[in-house]
Amino acid sequence: MVWPSRCVICDLPGELVCRRCALVLPYLDRLLACPTCGAPWGRSICCECNAQTLRWKGLEKFPLDGCASALMLSAESKRIVTAFKDRGEQQLSAVIAQHLADMLPCSWAENALLVPIPARKNAIRQRGFDHVSLIVSELSRITGIPSANALCALPRRDQRALDARERLTNMAGSFALNPAVSREQTLKRRMGARTCIILIDDVFTTGATLFTAAEALRPLLPEKIYALTFIRA
């Protein structure tokens, strides 16, 4: 009552994202997106996962079996993530998770396990919470798909000023299977008959983070590893 919720985009009292702002968000059209990497308007010719681009990045093939994102990067979509991660509006995890649930391909959901991209320890100390884990908890509740904190983040340098190829080099070896679950075989039991893993993150920029996380999950021998993100930059 003292401090009512306001729209993080237009500041209108009432909801965290008001209906008017929700209607004009830059939703990504999967019918126009690349079926491999999920890049907007890449259905016919994709400039992000073609052979030449992959060679420039030092990749032989695209590291994931599919990618999907709910929104494209814009001032409005970025404001949602900023309010969530940097301004501590944790209730936005439910808003973001609902967008992800709406975009989740039905073919991915069967026999799937949700795995969040883990935040670095210093980021958790600064924010007070692991933002992607909150999203995954809400997404698991909405969809009924089980989740597991299968990965842990290892130290690396900040990569905001790096290009795509430099980010891949910087991210190499920056994730490992979470010792807490792998040591007790908890993760393998959780996988059970689960044949695919869906990696969850807030933003897909160059894909370096998701590519490296997928590589760390390969020892679990999933048939498919997909990536689902809130924003595609």
Foldseek 3Di string as FASTA:
>chain_A
DVDAAADLQPRHGDDVNDPVNVVPFAFADQVQAPFAERHGNPPPPDPQFDCVNCVVLVHRHPLFRGEHAGGADDPRLVSLVCCVQPVPPLVCLLVLLVSLLVTDDPVAQPLEEEEELFDAPVSCVNRVHTNRVSNVVNNCVVSVHHYDPQKDFADFDDPPPPDLSVLLVRCAPGMATDCVCVVVVNVLVVSPSRQEYEYEDAEAESCSSVSNVSVNCCVSPHPGYYYYYHYYD
